[in-house]
Amino acid sequence: DGGDPARGIGDNSTREQLRLYFERIERLKKEHKGIS
């Protein structure tokens, strides 16, 4: 599909969506550590 071969992710919107998931998970992990 012409995307980045090393990542297996074709378009920028998919990359952006994945990046947003990572950021949300990282934020939740920080909150979890704070609560713990």
Full PDB file with SEQRES, HELIX, SHEET, SSBOND, CRYST1, ORIGX, SCALE, CONECT and MASTER records, all heavy atoms in Angstrom:
SEQRES   1 A   36  ASP GLY GLY ASP PRO ALA ARG GLY ILE GLY ASP ASN SER          
SEQRES   2 A   36  THR ARG GLU GLN LEU ARG LEU TYR PHE GLU ARG ILE GLU          
SEQRES   3 A   36  ARG LEU LYS LYS GLU HIS LYS GLY ILE SER                      
HELIX    1 AA1 ASN A   12  ILE A   35  1                                  24    
CRYST1    1.000    1.000    1.000  90.00  90.00  90.00 P 1           1          
ORIGX1      1.000000  0.000000  0.000000        0.00000                         
ORIGX2      0.000000  1.000000  0.000000        0.00000                         
ORIGX3      0.000000  0.000000  1.000000        0.00000                         
SCALE1      1.000000  0.000000  0.000000        0.00000                         
SCALE2      0.000000  1.000000  0.000000        0.00000                         
SCALE3      0.000000  0.000000  1.000000        0.00000                         
ATOM      1  N   ASP A   1       0.813  -1.210   0.000  1.00  0.00           N  
ATOM      2  CA  ASP A   1       0.000   0.000   0.000  1.00  0.00           C  
ATOM      3  C   ASP A   1       0.852   1.268   0.000  1.00  0.00           C  
ATOM      4  O   ASP A   1       0.332   2.365   0.139  1.00  0.00           O  
ATOM      5  CB  ASP A   1      -0.965   0.015   1.187  1.00  0.00           C  
ATOM      6  CG  ASP A   1      -0.243   0.083   2.528  1.00  0.00           C  
ATOM      7  OD1 ASP A   1       1.003   0.097   2.536  1.00  0.00           O  
ATOM      8  OD2 ASP A   1      -0.937   0.136   3.556  1.00  0.00           O  
ATOM      9  N   GLY A   2       2.184   1.105  -0.108  1.00  0.00           N  
ATOM     10  CA  GLY A   2       3.066   2.250  -0.190  1.00  0.00           C  
ATOM     11  C   GLY A   2       3.450   2.833   1.158  1.00  0.00           C  
ATOM     12  O   GLY A   2       4.146   3.831   1.227  1.00  0.00           O  
ATOM     13  N   GLY A   3       3.017   2.226   2.242  1.00  0.00           N  
ATOM     14  CA  GLY A   3       3.317   2.751   3.578  1.00  0.00           C  
ATOM     15  C   GLY A   3       4.719   2.390   4.028  1.00  0.00           C  
ATOM     16  O   GLY A   3       5.531   1.873   3.279  1.00  0.00           O  
ATOM     17  N   ASP A   4       5.011   2.661   5.261  1.00  0.00           N  
ATOM     18  CA  ASP A   4       6.317   2.402   5.855  1.00  0.00           C  
ATOM     19  C   ASP A   4       6.491   0.899   6.058  1.00  0.00           C  
ATOM     20  O   ASP A   4       5.775   0.293   6.843  1.00  0.00           O  
ATOM     21  CB  ASP A   4       6.405   3.138   7.193  1.00  0.00           C  
ATOM     22  CG  ASP A   4       7.752   3.005   7.862  1.00  0.00           C  
ATOM     23  OD1 ASP A   4       8.576   2.201   7.373  1.00  0.00           O  
ATOM     24  OD2 ASP A   4       7.978   3.702   8.868  1.00  0.00           O  
ATOM     25  N   PRO A   5       7.429   0.246   5.367  1.00  0.00           N  
ATOM     26  CA  PRO A   5       7.558  -1.210   5.460  1.00  0.00           C  
ATOM     27  C   PRO A   5       8.003  -1.695   6.830  1.00  0.00           C  
ATOM     28  O   PRO A   5       7.635  -2.763   7.256  1.00  0.00           O  
ATOM     29  CB  PRO A   5       8.622  -1.535   4.409  1.00  0.00           C  
ATOM     30  CG  PRO A   5       9.411  -0.283   4.261  1.00  0.00           C  
ATOM     31  CD  PRO A   5       8.429   0.841   4.495  1.00  0.00           C  
ATOM     32  N   ALA A   6       8.800  -0.917   7.525  1.00  0.00           N  
ATOM     33  CA  ALA A   6       9.323  -1.359   8.812  1.00  0.00           C  
ATOM     34  C   ALA A   6       8.270  -1.324   9.899  1.00  0.00           C  
ATOM     35  O   ALA A   6       8.411  -1.963  10.914  1.00  0.00           O  
ATOM     36  CB  ALA A   6      10.509  -0.489   9.214  1.00  0.00           C  
ATOM     37  N   ARG A   7       7.227  -0.623   9.714  1.00  0.00           N  
ATOM     38  CA  ARG A   7       6.222  -0.482  10.758  1.00  0.00           C  
ATOM     39  C   ARG A   7       4.958  -1.277  10.476  1.00  0.00           C  
ATOM     40  O   ARG A   7       4.201  -1.552  11.372  1.00  0.00           O  
ATOM     41  CB  ARG A   7       5.841   0.996  10.943  1.00  0.00           C  
ATOM     42  CG  ARG A   7       7.005   1.838  11.346  1.00  0.00           C  
ATOM     43  CD  ARG A   7       7.443   1.479  12.756  1.00  0.00           C  
ATOM     44  NE  ARG A   7       8.712   2.090  13.035  1.00  0.00           N  
ATOM     45  CZ  ARG A   7       9.824   1.439  13.295  1.00  0.00           C  
ATOM     46  NH1 ARG A   7       9.855   0.149  13.330  1.00  0.00           N  
ATOM     47  NH2 ARG A   7      10.944   2.084  13.532  1.00  0.00           N  
ATOM     48  N   GLY A   8       4.699  -1.618   9.223  1.00  0.00           N  
ATOM     49  CA  GLY A   8       3.500  -2.378   8.913  1.00  0.00           C  
ATOM     50  C   GLY A   8       2.238  -1.547   9.064  1.00  0.00           C  
ATOM     51  O   GLY A   8       1.153  -2.071   9.187  1.00  0.00           O  
ATOM     52  N   ILE A   9       2.392  -0.236   9.077  1.00  0.00           N  
ATOM     53  CA  ILE A   9       1.241   0.652   9.232  1.00  0.00           C  
ATOM     54  C   ILE A   9       1.217   1.566   8.018  1.00  0.00           C  
ATOM     55  O   ILE A   9       2.173   2.299   7.762  1.00  0.00           O  
ATOM     56  CB  ILE A   9       1.356   1.468  10.541  1.00  0.00           C  
ATOM     57  CG1 ILE A   9       1.371   0.507  11.713  1.00  0.00           C  
ATOM     58  CG2 ILE A   9       0.246   2.474  10.653  1.00  0.00           C  
ATOM     59  CD1 ILE A   9       1.668   1.157  13.033  1.00  0.00           C  
ATOM     60  N   GLY A  10       0.109   1.520   7.293  1.00  0.00           N  
ATOM     61  CA  GLY A  10       0.033   2.213   6.023  1.00  0.00           C  
ATOM     62  C   GLY A  10      -0.079   3.714   6.060  1.00  0.00           C  
ATOM     63  O   GLY A  10       0.838   4.429   5.688  1.00  0.00           O  
ATOM     64  N   ASP A  11      -1.181   4.265   6.530  1.00  0.00           N  
ATOM     65  CA  ASP A  11      -1.398   5.705   6.377  1.00  0.00           C  
ATOM     66  C   ASP A  11      -1.148   6.468   7.673  1.00  0.00           C  
ATOM     67  O   ASP A  11      -1.048   5.903   8.753  1.00  0.00           O  
ATOM     68  CB  ASP A  11      -2.803   5.983   5.848  1.00  0.00           C  
ATOM     69  CG  ASP A  11      -3.883   5.438   6.750  1.00  0.00           C  
ATOM     70  OD1 ASP A  11      -3.592   5.170   7.930  1.00  0.00           O  
ATOM     71  OD2 ASP A  11      -5.018   5.295   6.288  1.00  0.00           O  
ATOM     72  N   ASN A  12      -1.046   7.777   7.524  1.00  0.00           N  
ATOM     73  CA  ASN A  12      -0.741   8.623   8.676  1.00  0.00           C  
ATOM     74  C   ASN A  12      -1.857   8.632   9.710  1.00  0.00           C  
ATOM     75  O   ASN A  12      -1.589   8.776  10.895  1.00  0.00           O  
ATOM     76  CB  ASN A  12      -0.437  10.049   8.215  1.00  0.00           C  
ATOM     77  CG  ASN A  12       0.931  10.149   7.578  1.00  0.00           C  
ATOM     78  OD1 ASN A  12       1.806   9.350   7.883  1.00  0.00           O  
ATOM     79  ND2 ASN A  12       1.114  11.114   6.699  1.00  0.00           N  
ATOM     80  N   SER A  13      -3.111   8.495   9.292  1.00  0.00           N  
ATOM     81  CA  SER A  13      -4.205   8.510  10.268  1.00  0.00           C  
ATOM     82  C   SER A  13      -4.120   7.287  11.193  1.00  0.00           C  
ATOM     83  O   SER A  13      -4.412   7.384  12.384  1.00  0.00           O  
ATOM     84  CB  SER A  13      -5.564   8.564   9.575  1.00  0.00           C  
ATOM     85  OG  SER A  13      -5.793   7.382   8.839  1.00  0.00           O  
ATOM     86  N   THR A  14      -3.701   6.159  10.645  1.00  0.00           N  
ATOM     87  CA  THR A  14      -3.525   4.962  11.467  1.00  0.00           C  
ATOM     88  C   THR A  14      -2.385   5.161  12.450  1.00  0.00           C  
ATOM     89  O   THR A  14      -2.490   4.814  13.624  1.00  0.00           O  
ATOM     90  CB  THR A  14      -3.237   3.736  10.578  1.00  0.00           C  
ATOM     91  OG1 THR A  14      -4.280   3.614   9.620  1.00  0.00           O  
ATOM     92  CG2 THR A  14      -3.156   2.468  11.399  1.00  0.00           C  
ATOM     93  N   ARG A  15      -1.303   5.751  11.979  1.00  0.00           N  
ATOM     94  CA  ARG A  15      -0.170   6.034  12.862  1.00  0.00           C  
ATOM     95  C   ARG A  15      -0.585   6.987  13.976  1.00  0.00           C  
ATOM     96  O   ARG A  15      -0.210   6.799  15.128  1.00  0.00           O  
ATOM     97  CB  ARG A  15       0.979   6.659  12.089  1.00  0.00           C  
ATOM     98  CG  ARG A  15       1.666   5.725  11.164  1.00  0.00           C  
ATOM     99  CD  ARG A  15       2.718   6.479  10.406  1.00  0.00           C  
ATOM    100  NE  ARG A  15       3.121   5.690   9.263  1.00  0.00           N  
ATOM    101  CZ  ARG A  15       4.337   5.668   8.796  1.00  0.00           C  
ATOM    102  NH1 ARG A  15       5.258   6.385   9.351  1.00  0.00           N  
ATOM    103  NH2 ARG A  15       4.624   4.939   7.767  1.00  0.00           N  
ATOM    104  N   GLU A  16      -1.332   8.009  13.602  1.00  0.00           N  
ATOM    105  CA  GLU A  16      -1.777   9.003  14.591  1.00  0.00           C  
ATOM    106  C   GLU A  16      -2.681   8.348  15.634  1.00  0.00           C  
ATOM    107  O   GLU A  16      -2.560   8.602  16.825  1.00  0.00           O  
ATOM    108  CB  GLU A  16      -2.522  10.146  13.889  1.00  0.00           C  
ATOM    109  CG  GLU A  16      -3.044  11.212  14.811  1.00  0.00           C  
ATOM    110  CD  GLU A  16      -1.943  11.992  15.527  1.00  0.00           C  
ATOM    111  OE1 GLU A  16      -0.773  11.911  15.125  1.00  0.00           O  
ATOM    112  OE2 GLU A  16      -2.281  12.685  16.508  1.00  0.00           O  
ATOM    113  N   GLN A  17      -3.579   7.498  15.173  1.00  0.00           N  
ATOM    114  CA  GLN A  17      -4.477   6.804  16.096  1.00  0.00           C  
ATOM    115  C   GLN A  17      -3.678   5.926  17.063  1.00  0.00           C  
ATOM    116  O   GLN A  17      -3.925   5.935  18.268  1.00  0.00           O  
ATOM    117  CB  GLN A  17      -5.468   5.955  15.309  1.00  0.00           C  
ATOM    118  CG  GLN A  17      -6.554   5.339  16.141  1.00  0.00           C  
ATOM    119  CD  GLN A  17      -7.546   4.567  15.277  1.00  0.00           C  
ATOM    120  OE1 GLN A  17      -7.246   4.167  14.157  1.00  0.00           O  
ATOM    121  NE2 GLN A  17      -8.730   4.357  15.808  1.00  0.00           N  
ATOM    122  N   LEU A  18      -2.704   5.208  16.548  1.00  0.00           N  
ATOM    123  CA  LEU A  18      -1.864   4.356  17.387  1.00  0.00           C  
ATOM    124  C   LEU A  18      -1.069   5.196  18.381  1.00  0.00           C  
ATOM    125  O   LEU A  18      -0.972   4.859  19.556  1.00  0.00           O  
ATOM    126  CB  LEU A  18      -0.924   3.527  16.511  1.00  0.00           C  
ATOM    127  CG  LEU A  18      -0.103   2.462  17.203  1.00  0.00           C  
ATOM    128  CD1 LEU A  18      -0.987   1.477  17.947  1.00  0.00           C  
ATOM    129  CD2 LEU A  18       0.752   1.722  16.179  1.00  0.00           C  
ATOM    130  N   ARG A  19      -0.519   6.332  17.930  1.00  0.00           N  
ATOM    131  CA  ARG A  19       0.230   7.223  18.817  1.00  0.00           C  
ATOM    132  C   ARG A  19      -0.663   7.722  19.947  1.00  0.00           C  
ATOM    133  O   ARG A  19      -0.254   7.776  21.110  1.00  0.00           O  
ATOM    134  CB  ARG A  19       0.788   8.408  18.024  1.00  0.00           C  
ATOM    135  CG  ARG A  19       1.683   9.331  18.852  1.00  0.00           C  
ATOM    136  CD  ARG A  19       2.095  10.568  18.060  1.00  0.00           C  
ATOM    137  NE  ARG A  19       0.978  11.405  17.692  1.00  0.00           N  
ATOM    138  CZ  ARG A  19       0.321  12.226  18.538  1.00  0.00           C  
ATOM    139  NH1 ARG A  19       0.681  12.292  19.798  1.00  0.00           N  
ATOM    140  NH2 ARG A  19      -0.686  12.966  18.110  1.00  0.00           N  
ATOM    141  N   LEU A  20      -1.907   8.054  19.629  1.00  0.00           N  
ATOM    142  CA  LEU A  20      -2.850   8.529  20.646  1.00  0.00           C  
ATOM    143  C   LEU A  20      -3.151   7.437  21.676  1.00  0.00           C  
ATOM    144  O   LEU A  20      -3.260   7.719  22.874  1.00  0.00           O  
ATOM    145  CB  LEU A  20      -4.141   9.039  20.002  1.00  0.00           C  
ATOM    146  CG  LEU A  20      -3.990  10.327  19.198  1.00  0.00           C  
ATOM    147  CD1 LEU A  20      -5.287  10.641  18.450  1.00  0.00           C  
ATOM    148  CD2 LEU A  20      -3.580  11.489  20.079  1.00  0.00           C  
ATOM    149  N   TYR A  21      -3.278   6.202  21.219  1.00  0.00           N  
ATOM    150  CA  TYR A  21      -3.476   5.092  22.166  1.00  0.00           C  
ATOM    151  C   TYR A  21      -2.289   4.981  23.117  1.00  0.00           C  
ATOM    152  O   TYR A  21      -2.456   4.817  24.318  1.00  0.00           O  
ATOM    153  CB  TYR A  21      -3.670   3.760  21.436  1.00  0.00           C  
ATOM    154  CG  TYR A  21      -5.042   3.558  20.856  1.00  0.00           C  
ATOM    155  CD1 TYR A  21      -5.206   3.174  19.537  1.00  0.00           C  
ATOM    156  CD2 TYR A  21      -6.190   3.738  21.631  1.00  0.00           C  
ATOM    157  CE1 TYR A  21      -6.463   2.977  18.996  1.00  0.00           C  
ATOM    158  CE2 TYR A  21      -7.447   3.543  21.098  1.00  0.00           C  
ATOM    159  CZ  TYR A  21      -7.576   3.167  19.786  1.00  0.00           C  
ATOM    160  OH  TYR A  21      -8.817   2.967  19.254  1.00  0.00           O  
ATOM    161  N   PHE A  22      -1.081   5.057  22.550  1.00  0.00           N  
ATOM    162  CA  PHE A  22       0.120   4.979  23.395  1.00  0.00           C  
ATOM    163  C   PHE A  22       0.122   6.092  24.437  1.00  0.00           C  
ATOM    164  O   PHE A  22       0.420   5.864  25.604  1.00  0.00           O  
ATOM    165  CB  PHE A  22       1.392   5.062  22.550  1.00  0.00           C  
ATOM    166  CG  PHE A  22       1.675   3.824  21.737  1.00  0.00           C  
ATOM    167  CD1 PHE A  22       2.211   3.932  20.467  1.00  0.00           C  
ATOM    168  CD2 PHE A  22       1.423   2.560  22.233  1.00  0.00           C  
ATOM    169  CE1 PHE A  22       2.486   2.803  19.716  1.00  0.00           C  
ATOM    170  CE2 PHE A  22       1.691   1.425  21.499  1.00  0.00           C  
ATOM    171  CZ  PHE A  22       2.232   1.550  20.228  1.00  0.00           C  
ATOM    172  N   GLU A  23      -0.191   7.305  24.001  1.00  0.00           N  
ATOM    173  CA  GLU A  23      -0.183   8.440  24.931  1.00  0.00           C  
ATOM    174  C   GLU A  23      -1.223   8.262  26.037  1.00  0.00           C  
ATOM    175  O   GLU A  23      -0.954   8.565  27.196  1.00  0.00           O  
ATOM    176  CB  GLU A  23      -0.405   9.746  24.182  1.00  0.00           C  
ATOM    177  CG  GLU A  23       0.793  10.155  23.355  1.00  0.00           C  
ATOM    178  CD  GLU A  23       0.549  11.410  22.527  1.00  0.00           C  
ATOM    179  OE1 GLU A  23      -0.564  11.994  22.601  1.00  0.00           O  
ATOM    180  OE2 GLU A  23       1.478  11.816  21.795  1.00  0.00           O  
ATOM    181  N   ARG A  24      -2.407   7.771  25.671  1.00  0.00           N  
ATOM    182  CA  ARG A  24      -3.446   7.538  26.685  1.00  0.00           C  
ATOM    183  C   ARG A  24      -2.994   6.498  27.702  1.00  0.00           C  
ATOM    184  O   ARG A  24      -3.177   6.659  28.906  1.00  0.00           O  
ATOM    185  CB  ARG A  24      -4.752   7.079  26.030  1.00  0.00           C  
ATOM    186  CG  ARG A  24      -5.535   8.207  25.417  1.00  0.00           C  
ATOM    187  CD  ARG A  24      -6.746   7.756  24.654  1.00  0.00           C  
ATOM    188  NE  ARG A  24      -7.641   6.892  25.409  1.00  0.00           N  
ATOM    189  CZ  ARG A  24      -8.583   6.152  24.839  1.00  0.00           C  
ATOM    190  NH1 ARG A  24      -8.752   6.164  23.529  1.00  0.00           N  
ATOM    191  NH2 ARG A  24      -9.372   5.406  25.562  1.00  0.00           N  
ATOM    192  N   ILE A  25      -2.412   5.409  27.216  1.00  0.00           N  
ATOM    193  CA  ILE A  25      -1.950   4.344  28.107  1.00  0.00           C  
ATOM    194  C   ILE A  25      -0.856   4.867  29.028  1.00  0.00           C  
ATOM    195  O   ILE A  25      -0.869   4.596  30.229  1.00  0.00           O  
ATOM    196  CB  ILE A  25      -1.477   3.120  27.289  1.00  0.00           C  
ATOM    197  CG1 ILE A  25      -2.681   2.457  26.606  1.00  0.00           C  
ATOM    198  CG2 ILE A  25      -0.725   2.126  28.163  1.00  0.00           C  
ATOM    199  CD1 ILE A  25      -2.322   1.441  25.548  1.00  0.00           C  
ATOM    200  N   GLU A  26       0.086   5.628  28.473  1.00  0.00           N  
ATOM    201  CA  GLU A  26       1.154   6.190  29.300  1.00  0.00           C  
ATOM    202  C   GLU A  26       0.594   7.117  30.374  1.00  0.00           C  
ATOM    203  O   GLU A  26       1.024   7.073  31.530  1.00  0.00           O  
ATOM    204  CB  GLU A  26       2.162   6.939  28.421  1.00  0.00           C  
ATOM    205  CG  GLU A  26       3.004   6.022  27.556  1.00  0.00           C  
ATOM    206  CD  GLU A  26       3.795   6.736  26.479  1.00  0.00           C  
ATOM    207  OE1 GLU A  26       3.489   7.907  26.167  1.00  0.00           O  
ATOM    208  OE2 GLU A  26       4.717   6.103  25.931  1.00  0.00           O  
ATOM    209  N   ARG A  27      -0.389   7.949  30.011  1.00  0.00           N  
ATOM    210  CA  ARG A  27      -1.004   8.855  30.983  1.00  0.00           C  
ATOM    211  C   ARG A  27      -1.705   8.066  32.083  1.00  0.00           C  
ATOM    212  O   ARG A  27      -1.550   8.360  33.273  1.00  0.00           O  
ATOM    213  CB  ARG A  27      -2.013   9.785  30.289  1.00  0.00           C  
ATOM    214  CG  ARG A  27      -2.698  10.760  31.233  1.00  0.00           C  
ATOM    215  CD  ARG A  27      -3.697  11.665  30.521  1.00  0.00           C  
ATOM    216  NE  ARG A  27      -4.578  11.000  29.580  1.00  0.00           N  
ATOM    217  CZ  ARG A  27      -5.651  10.287  29.915  1.00  0.00           C  
ATOM    218  NH1 ARG A  27      -5.970  10.126  31.167  1.00  0.00           N  
ATOM    219  NH2 ARG A  27      -6.414   9.731  28.986  1.00  0.00           N  
ATOM    220  N   LEU A  28      -2.439   7.025  31.703  1.00  0.00           N  
ATOM    221  CA  LEU A  28      -3.133   6.206  32.694  1.00  0.00           C  
ATOM    222  C   LEU A  28      -2.152   5.480  33.612  1.00  0.00           C  
ATOM    223  O   LEU A  28      -2.410   5.336  34.816  1.00  0.00           O  
ATOM    224  CB  LEU A  28      -4.066   5.207  32.004  1.00  0.00           C  
ATOM    225  CG  LEU A  28      -5.289   5.832  31.338  1.00  0.00           C  
ATOM    226  CD1 LEU A  28      -5.984   4.810  30.448  1.00  0.00           C  
ATOM    227  CD2 LEU A  28      -6.237   6.393  32.373  1.00  0.00           C  
ATOM    228  N   LYS A  29      -1.023   5.039  33.063  1.00  0.00           N  
ATOM    229  CA  LYS A  29      -0.012   4.391  33.902  1.00  0.00           C  
ATOM    230  C   LYS A  29       0.549   5.361  34.934  1.00  0.00           C  
ATOM    231  O   LYS A  29       0.773   4.998  36.081  1.00  0.00           O  
ATOM    232  CB  LYS A  29       1.128   3.826  33.041  1.00  0.00           C  
ATOM    233  CG  LYS A  29       0.772   2.532  32.355  1.00  0.00           C  
ATOM    234  CD  LYS A  29       1.975   1.983  31.612  1.00  0.00           C  
ATOM    235  CE  LYS A  29       1.674   0.603  31.078  1.00  0.00           C  
ATOM    236  NZ  LYS A  29       2.836  -0.029  30.448  1.00  0.00           N  
ATOM    237  N   LYS A  30       0.777   6.613  34.521  1.00  0.00           N  
ATOM    238  CA  LYS A  30       1.267   7.622  35.465  1.00  0.00           C  
ATOM    239  C   LYS A  30       0.237   7.879  36.558  1.00  0.00           C  
ATOM    240  O   LYS A  30       0.573   7.970  37.737  1.00  0.00           O  
ATOM    241  CB  LYS A  30       1.584   8.933  34.740  1.00  0.00           C  
ATOM    242  CG  LYS A  30       2.866   8.897  33.956  1.00  0.00           C  
ATOM    243  CD  LYS A  30       3.119  10.216  33.247  1.00  0.00           C  
ATOM    244  CE  LYS A  30       4.340  10.120  32.347  1.00  0.00           C  
ATOM    245  NZ  LYS A  30       4.519  11.341  31.547  1.00  0.00           N  
ATOM    246  N   GLU A  31      -1.046   7.995  36.151  1.00  0.00           N  
ATOM    247  CA  GLU A  31      -2.113   8.206  37.140  1.00  0.00           C  
ATOM    248  C   GLU A  31      -2.192   7.023  38.099  1.00  0.00           C  
ATOM    249  O   GLU A  31      -2.352   7.193  39.302  1.00  0.00           O  
ATOM    250  CB  GLU A  31      -3.460   8.402  36.442  1.00  0.00           C  
ATOM    251  CG  GLU A  31      -3.591   9.724  35.708  1.00  0.00           C  
ATOM    252  CD  GLU A  31      -4.894   9.839  34.939  1.00  0.00           C  
ATOM    253  OE1 GLU A  31      -5.842   9.057  35.203  1.00  0.00           O  
ATOM    254  OE2 GLU A  31      -4.973  10.711  34.055  1.00  0.00           O  
ATOM    255  N   HIS A  32      -2.083   5.818  37.560  1.00  0.00           N  
ATOM    256  CA  HIS A  32      -2.144   4.600  38.376  1.00  0.00           C  
ATOM    257  C   HIS A  32      -1.016   4.589  39.393  1.00  0.00           C  
ATOM    258  O   HIS A  32      -1.222   4.269  40.565  1.00  0.00           O  
ATOM    259  CB  HIS A  32      -2.070   3.372  37.464  1.00  0.00           C  
ATOM    260  CG  HIS A  32      -2.163   2.072  38.187  1.00  0.00           C  
ATOM    261  ND1 HIS A  32      -1.050   1.408  38.632  1.00  0.00           N  
ATOM    262  CD2 HIS A  32      -3.227   1.322  38.553  1.00  0.00           C  
ATOM    263  CE1 HIS A  32      -1.429   0.298  39.242  1.00  0.00           C  
ATOM    264  NE2 HIS A  32      -2.746   0.223  39.205  1.00  0.00           N  
ATOM    265  N   LYS A  33       0.192   4.954  38.955  1.00  0.00           N  
ATOM    266  CA  LYS A  33       1.332   4.992  39.871  1.00  0.00           C  
ATOM    267  C   LYS A  33       1.090   6.025  40.965  1.00  0.00           C  
ATOM    268  O   LYS A  33       1.360   5.771  42.145  1.00  0.00           O  
ATOM    269  CB  LYS A  33       2.623   5.303  39.137  1.00  0.00           C  
ATOM    270  CG  LYS A  33       3.831   5.274  40.071  1.00  0.00           C  
ATOM    271  CD  LYS A  33       5.112   5.574  39.363  1.00  0.00           C  
ATOM    272  CE  LYS A  33       6.331   5.583  40.238  1.00  0.00           C  
ATOM    273  NZ  LYS A  33       6.185   5.677  41.642  1.00  0.00           N  
ATOM    274  N   GLY A  34       0.549   7.171  40.596  1.00  0.00           N  
ATOM    275  CA  GLY A  34       0.256   8.208  41.587  1.00  0.00           C  
ATOM    276  C   GLY A  34      -0.752   7.736  42.619  1.00  0.00           C  
ATOM    277  O   GLY A  34      -0.576   7.950  43.830  1.00  0.00           O  
ATOM    278  N   ILE A  35      -1.793   7.067  42.164  1.00  0.00           N  
ATOM    279  CA  ILE A  35      -2.819   6.548  43.077  1.00  0.00           C  
ATOM    280  C   ILE A  35      -2.223   5.455  43.964  1.00  0.00           C  
ATOM    281  O   ILE A  35      -2.473   5.422  45.174  1.00  0.00           O  
ATOM    282  CB  ILE A  35      -4.042   6.029  42.290  1.00  0.00           C  
ATOM    283  CG1 ILE A  35      -4.774   7.216  41.646  1.00  0.00           C  
ATOM    284  CG2 ILE A  35      -4.976   5.236  43.182  1.00  0.00           C  
ATOM    285  CD1 ILE A  35      -5.836   6.829  40.652  1.00  0.00           C  
ATOM    286  N   SER A  36      -1.408   4.582  43.390  1.00  0.00           N  
ATOM    287  CA  SER A  36      -0.758   3.522  44.183  1.00  0.00           C  
ATOM    288  C   SER A  36       0.122   4.132  45.270  1.00  0.00           C  
ATOM    289  O   SER A  36       0.129   3.654  46.414  1.00  0.00           O  
ATOM    290  CB  SER A  36       0.086   2.618  43.290  1.00  0.00           C  
ATOM    291  OG  SER A  36      -0.734   1.888  42.415  1.00  0.00           O  
TER     292      SER A  36                                                      
MASTER        0    0    0    1    0    0    0    6  291    1    0    3          
END                                                                             
